[in-house]
Amino acid sequence: MGLFSFLGFSSRKGESNNPLGIITAQRKELRQSIGRLGKAATKLRLTGYVEIDGKRREAISTKIFVEKGRAIRVVGERFGRLLVEPI
């Protein structure tokens, strides 16, 4: 196992960022949000907050900047945050 693999980084698509393979309840909940729609609760300058199903969550944007109030779609989970893209 290389250093990057130990730290949880992977070049393989779909491989966990968790080096021990443990999926916490929080990560399970985040993964269940994939595909859901919501809106940016704050400006996302790569990171910020989104609202999905009435819950405010930390998010990372696939774009550099997303305006507050813009519609978003959850496309994944990274480092305990939702990965979102504007729609």
Foldseek 3Di string as FASTA:
>chain_A
DDPCLCCQDDPDPPDGSDNVPDQDPLNVVLAVQAFFKWFFQAKAQQWHWTATPNDIFIEGEPDRIDHGGFMWGFHHDDPSGTYIYGD
